[in-house]
PDB file of N, CA and C in Angstrom:
ATOM      1  N   MET A   1      23.349  -2.506  -4.380  1.00  0.00           N
ATOM      2  CA  MET A   1      21.916  -2.315  -4.079  1.00  0.00           C
ATOM      3  C   MET A   1      21.259  -3.679  -3.863  1.00  0.00           C
ATOM      4  N   HIS A   2      20.570  -3.802  -2.758  1.00  0.00           N
ATOM      5  CA  HIS A   2      19.883  -5.062  -2.463  1.00  0.00           C
ATOM      6  C   HIS A   2      18.482  -5.036  -3.071  1.00  0.00           C
ATOM      7  N   TYR A   3      18.260  -5.926  -4.033  1.00  0.00           N
ATOM      8  CA  TYR A   3      16.954  -5.959  -4.686  1.00  0.00           C
ATOM      9  C   TYR A   3      15.864  -6.373  -3.704  1.00  0.00           C
ATOM     10  N   GLN A   4      16.236  -7.248  -2.731  1.00  0.00           N
ATOM     11  CA  GLN A   4      15.245  -7.703  -1.756  1.00  0.00           C
ATOM     12  C   GLN A   4      14.697  -6.525  -0.962  1.00  0.00           C
ATOM     13  N   HIS A   5      15.607  -5.645  -0.513  1.00  0.00           N
ATOM     14  CA  HIS A   5      15.175  -4.479   0.261  1.00  0.00           C
ATOM     15  C   HIS A   5      14.257  -3.604  -0.579  1.00  0.00           C
ATOM     16  N   PHE A   6      14.648  -3.391  -1.832  1.00  0.00           N
ATOM     17  CA  PHE A   6      13.858  -2.553  -2.729  1.00  0.00           C
ATOM     18  C   PHE A   6      12.466  -3.157  -2.923  1.00  0.00           C
ATOM     19  N   PHE A   7      12.448  -4.488  -3.106  1.00  0.00           N
ATOM     20  CA  PHE A   7      11.177  -5.193  -3.311  1.00  0.00           C
ATOM     21  C   PHE A   7      10.293  -5.047  -2.079  1.00  0.00           C
ATOM     22  N   LEU A   8      10.899  -5.223  -0.903  1.00  0.00           N
ATOM     23  CA  LEU A   8      10.137  -5.100   0.350  1.00  0.00           C
ATOM     24  C   LEU A   8       9.560  -3.692   0.466  1.00  0.00           C
ATOM     25  N   LEU A   9      10.368  -2.694   0.151  1.00  0.00           N
ATOM     26  CA  LEU A   9       9.914  -1.308   0.245  1.00  0.00           C
ATOM     27  C   LEU A   9       8.741  -1.088  -0.707  1.00  0.00           C
ATOM     28  N   LEU A  10       8.876  -1.629  -1.914  1.00  0.00           N
ATOM     29  CA  LEU A  10       7.827  -1.470  -2.912  1.00  0.00           C
ATOM     30  C   LEU A  10       6.535  -2.110  -2.415  1.00  0.00           C
ATOM     31  N   ARG A  11       6.671  -3.313  -1.850  1.00  0.00           N
ATOM     32  CA  ARG A  11       5.493  -4.016  -1.345  1.00  0.00           C
ATOM     33  C   ARG A  11       4.860  -3.226  -0.199  1.00  0.00           C
ATOM     34  N   PHE A  12       5.710  -2.686   0.678  1.00  0.00           N
ATOM     35  CA  PHE A  12       5.225  -1.913   1.816  1.00  0.00           C
ATOM     36  C   PHE A  12       4.424  -0.703   1.318  1.00  0.00           C
ATOM     37  N   ALA A  13       4.990   0.006   0.362  1.00  0.00           N
ATOM     38  CA  ALA A  13       4.304   1.190  -0.186  1.00  0.00           C
ATOM     39  C   ALA A  13       2.990   0.758  -0.835  1.00  0.00           C
ATOM     40  N   GLY A  14       3.019  -0.362  -1.533  1.00  0.00           N
ATOM     41  CA  GLY A  14       1.813  -0.854  -2.198  1.00  0.00           C
ATOM     42  C   GLY A  14       0.716  -1.169  -1.189  1.00  0.00           C
ATOM     43  N   SER A  15       1.093  -1.851  -0.107  1.00  0.00           N
ATOM     44  CA  SER A  15       0.104  -2.210   0.919  1.00  0.00           C
ATOM     45  C   SER A  15      -0.446  -0.937   1.552  1.00  0.00           C
ATOM     46  N   LEU A  16       0.430   0.052   1.761  1.00  0.00           N
ATOM     47  CA  LEU A  16      -0.018   1.313   2.368  1.00  0.00           C
ATOM     48  C   LEU A  16      -1.049   1.973   1.456  1.00  0.00           C
ATOM     49  N   MET A  17      -0.759   2.018   0.170  1.00  0.00           N
ATOM     50  CA  MET A  17      -1.687   2.633  -0.788  1.00  0.00           C
ATOM     51  C   MET A  17      -3.014   1.879  -0.770  1.00  0.00           C
ATOM     52  N   GLU A  18      -2.895   0.539  -0.727  1.00  0.00           N
ATOM     53  CA  GLU A  18      -4.105  -0.284  -0.722  1.00  0.00           C
ATOM     54  C   GLU A  18      -4.959   0.051   0.493  1.00  0.00           C
ATOM     55  N   HIS A  19      -4.308   0.202   1.641  1.00  0.00           N
ATOM     56  CA  HIS A  19      -5.031   0.507   2.877  1.00  0.00           C
ATOM     57  C   HIS A  19      -5.760   1.846   2.741  1.00  0.00           C
ATOM     58  N   SER A  20      -5.069   2.848   2.245  1.00  0.00           N
ATOM     59  CA  SER A  20      -5.686   4.174   2.112  1.00  0.00           C
ATOM     60  C   SER A  20      -6.844   4.094   1.116  1.00  0.00           C
ATOM     61  N   ASP A  21      -6.645   3.330   0.018  1.00  0.00           N
ATOM     62  CA  ASP A  21      -7.709   3.188  -0.973  1.00  0.00           C
ATOM     63  C   ASP A  21      -8.932   2.545  -0.324  1.00  0.00           C
ATOM     64  N   ARG A  22      -8.669   1.499   0.487  1.00  0.00           N
ATOM     65  CA  ARG A  22      -9.775   0.796   1.136  1.00  0.00           C
ATOM     66  C   ARG A  22     -10.507   1.751   2.076  1.00  0.00           C
ATOM     67  N   LYS A  23      -9.742   2.552   2.804  1.00  0.00           N
ATOM     68  CA  LYS A  23     -10.350   3.511   3.741  1.00  0.00           C
ATOM     69  C   LYS A  23     -11.248   4.472   2.974  1.00  0.00           C
ATOM     70  N   HIS A  24     -10.734   5.008   1.882  1.00  0.00           N
ATOM     71  CA  HIS A  24     -11.521   5.951   1.084  1.00  0.00           C
ATOM     72  C   HIS A  24     -12.780   5.258   0.571  1.00  0.00           C
ATOM     73  N   GLY A  25     -12.602   3.989   0.174  1.00  0.00           N
ATOM     74  CA  GLY A  25     -13.736   3.222  -0.356  1.00  0.00           C
ATOM     75  C   GLY A  25     -14.821   3.072   0.698  1.00  0.00           C
ATOM     76  N   THR A  26     -14.411   2.734   1.931  1.00  0.00           N
ATOM     77  CA  THR A  26     -15.405   2.557   2.998  1.00  0.00           C
ATOM     78  C   THR A  26     -16.083   3.894   3.282  1.00  0.00           C
ATOM     79  N   TYR A  27     -15.308   4.964   3.278  1.00  0.00           N
ATOM     80  CA  TYR A  27     -15.878   6.286   3.540  1.00  0.00           C
ATOM     81  C   TYR A  27     -16.930   6.616   2.481  1.00  0.00           C
ATOM     82  N   VAL A  28     -16.610   6.315   1.229  1.00  0.00           N
ATOM     83  CA  VAL A  28     -17.547   6.606   0.140  1.00  0.00           C
ATOM     84  C   VAL A  28     -18.792   5.735   0.285  1.00  0.00           C
ATOM     85  N   ASP A  29     -18.563   4.436   0.640  1.00  0.00           N
ATOM     86  CA  ASP A  29     -19.706   3.519   0.808  1.00  0.00           C
ATOM     87  C   ASP A  29     -20.635   4.027   1.902  1.00  0.00           C
ATOM     88  N   GLN A  30     -20.047   4.491   3.001  1.00  0.00           N
ATOM     89  CA  GLN A  30     -20.872   4.965   4.110  1.00  0.00           C
ATOM     90  C   GLN A  30     -21.494   6.305   3.728  1.00  0.00           C
TER      91      GLN A  30
END
């Protein structure tokens, strides 16, 4: 198992969640 790949995947998922959270935040603000 490549830890680098796992780490990248984790980071990718994290950024995706962050993006969706930000979108929801802007929607709520508006």
